[in-house]
Amino acid sequence: MELLRSHRFPLVLLDLMMPHLGGMEVLRRVKEEFPEVDCVIVSAIDDVATAVQAMSSGASDYLVKPLDSDKLVALVQSNLERYRFRDELARVGRKKIFEQSEAAGRLRPPHRRR
């Protein structure tokens, strides 16, 4: 969590079985504090109920070990492209709002104090 607070990560890969804190708890905390970060669960647990729980908790995908490296690379690339797209949309939106507020400010007469 400290790494996420100090750096900007578009994607987190989580294992369900980790020391100290389970992957579902880390997923919950990440999505609570950083809802824009995509989380992919990577686990040896091949269980539909666990996968459904992970996805309903906010995971963007659930991969079962052993991993197919081509599938993992494609998944990471897809997530990064989606992140760049959302980032660009947000940037364009902020620019448009700024331009509209600047234009509105030019159209209004200056505020006079009484």
Protein backbone atom coordinates (compact mmCIF):
# COMPACT_ATOMS: atom_id res chain seq x y z
CA MET A 1 0.00 0.00 0.00
CA GLU A 2 2.91 2.33 0.69
CA LEU A 3 4.19 1.79 -2.85
CA LEU A 4 0.79 2.68 -4.25
CA ARG A 5 0.69 5.82 -2.15
CA SER A 6 4.14 6.96 -3.27
CA HIS A 7 4.00 5.93 -6.96
CA ARG A 8 1.40 5.94 -9.69
CA PHE A 9 0.70 2.34 -10.77
CA PRO A 10 -1.94 1.63 -13.40
CA LEU A 11 -2.03 -2.10 -12.66
CA VAL A 12 -1.42 -4.38 -9.68
CA LEU A 13 -0.93 -8.14 -9.92
CA LEU A 14 -1.97 -9.88 -6.69
CA ASP A 15 -1.64 -13.44 -5.51
CA LEU A 16 -4.36 -14.68 -3.16
CA MET A 17 -1.83 -16.41 -0.92
CA MET A 18 0.65 -13.86 0.38
CA PRO A 19 2.46 -13.60 3.70
CA HIS A 20 0.96 -11.33 6.35
CA LEU A 21 -2.08 -10.19 4.36
CA GLY A 22 -4.23 -12.17 1.92
CA GLY A 23 -4.74 -11.09 -1.66
CA MET A 24 -8.49 -10.48 -1.18
CA GLU A 25 -7.77 -8.07 1.67
CA VAL A 26 -5.11 -6.26 -0.38
CA LEU A 27 -7.58 -6.10 -3.29
CA ARG A 28 -10.23 -4.60 -1.01
CA ARG A 29 -7.80 -1.98 0.32
CA VAL A 30 -6.46 -1.07 -3.12
CA LYS A 31 -9.94 -0.63 -4.61
CA GLU A 32 -11.06 1.36 -1.56
CA GLU A 33 -8.14 3.78 -1.66
CA PHE A 34 -7.29 3.71 -5.39
CA PRO A 35 -10.43 2.74 -7.34
CA GLU A 36 -8.81 3.72 -10.65
CA VAL A 37 -6.06 1.08 -10.28
CA ASP A 38 -6.79 -2.18 -12.07
CA CYS A 39 -6.07 -5.31 -10.05
CA VAL A 40 -5.50 -8.74 -11.55
CA ILE A 41 -5.57 -11.77 -9.27
CA VAL A 42 -3.02 -14.47 -10.04
CA SER A 43 -3.57 -17.66 -8.08
CA ALA A 44 -3.11 -21.40 -8.01
CA ILE A 45 -6.69 -21.64 -6.70
CA ASP A 46 -8.76 -22.78 -9.67
CA ASP A 47 -12.19 -22.28 -8.14
CA VAL A 48 -15.12 -20.50 -9.77
CA ALA A 49 -16.49 -19.19 -6.46
CA THR A 50 -13.13 -17.64 -5.57
CA ALA A 51 -12.82 -16.08 -9.02
CA VAL A 52 -16.36 -14.66 -8.77
CA GLN A 53 -15.59 -13.26 -5.30
CA ALA A 54 -12.41 -11.60 -6.63
CA MET A 55 -14.19 -10.10 -9.62
CA SER A 56 -17.10 -8.84 -7.51
CA SER A 57 -14.54 -7.29 -5.13
CA GLY A 58 -13.12 -5.25 -7.99
CA ALA A 59 -10.52 -7.43 -9.71
CA SER A 60 -10.36 -6.76 -13.42
CA ASP A 61 -9.30 -10.33 -14.15
CA TYR A 62 -8.47 -13.66 -12.49
CA LEU A 63 -5.65 -15.83 -13.81
CA VAL A 64 -4.87 -19.37 -12.70
CA LYS A 65 -1.30 -20.61 -12.30
CA PRO A 66 0.66 -21.86 -14.08
CA LEU A 67 0.35 -18.74 -16.19
CA ASP A 68 0.35 -18.65 -19.94
CA SER A 69 3.00 -15.95 -20.51
CA ASP A 70 1.43 -14.81 -23.80
CA LYS A 71 -1.93 -14.34 -22.11
CA LEU A 72 -0.32 -12.44 -19.22
CA VAL A 73 1.56 -10.10 -21.58
CA ALA A 74 -1.61 -9.46 -23.61
CA LEU A 75 -3.58 -8.80 -20.44
CA VAL A 76 -0.99 -6.33 -19.11
CA GLN A 77 -0.82 -4.56 -22.47
CA SER A 78 -4.61 -4.32 -22.63
CA ASN A 79 -4.81 -2.91 -19.10
CA LEU A 80 -2.07 -0.37 -19.81
CA GLU A 81 -3.81 0.76 -23.02
CA ARG A 82 -7.07 1.19 -21.11
CA TYR A 83 -5.20 3.18 -18.43
CA ARG A 84 -3.61 5.46 -21.05
CA PHE A 85 -7.00 5.98 -22.70
CA ARG A 86 -8.69 6.90 -19.39
CA ASP A 87 -5.78 9.19 -18.51
CA GLU A 88 -6.00 10.94 -21.89
CA LEU A 89 -9.80 11.33 -21.57
CA ALA A 90 -9.35 12.89 -18.13
CA ARG A 91 -6.67 15.25 -19.47
CA VAL A 92 -8.83 16.34 -22.40
CA GLY A 93 -11.80 16.79 -20.08
CA ARG A 94 -9.79 18.98 -17.70
CA LYS A 95 -8.52 21.05 -20.62
CA LYS A 96 -12.05 21.53 -21.98
CA ILE A 97 -13.39 22.58 -18.56
CA PHE A 98 -10.52 25.05 -18.19
CA GLU A 99 -11.13 26.50 -21.66
CA GLN A 100 -14.87 26.83 -20.98
CA SER A 101 -14.28 28.55 -17.65
CA GLU A 102 -11.76 30.91 -19.27
CA ALA A 103 -14.27 31.75 -22.03
CA ALA A 104 -17.05 32.30 -19.50
CA GLY A 105 -14.77 34.59 -17.50
CA ARG A 106 -14.09 36.72 -20.57
CA LEU A 107 -17.81 37.09 -21.28
CA ARG A 108 -18.77 38.26 -17.78
CA PRO A 109 -18.26 41.86 -16.80
CA PRO A 110 -15.69 42.32 -14.06
CA HIS A 111 -17.08 42.12 -10.53
CA ARG A 112 -17.23 45.50 -8.85
CA ARG A 113 -17.03 45.97 -5.11
CA ARG A 114 -19.43 48.33 -3.47
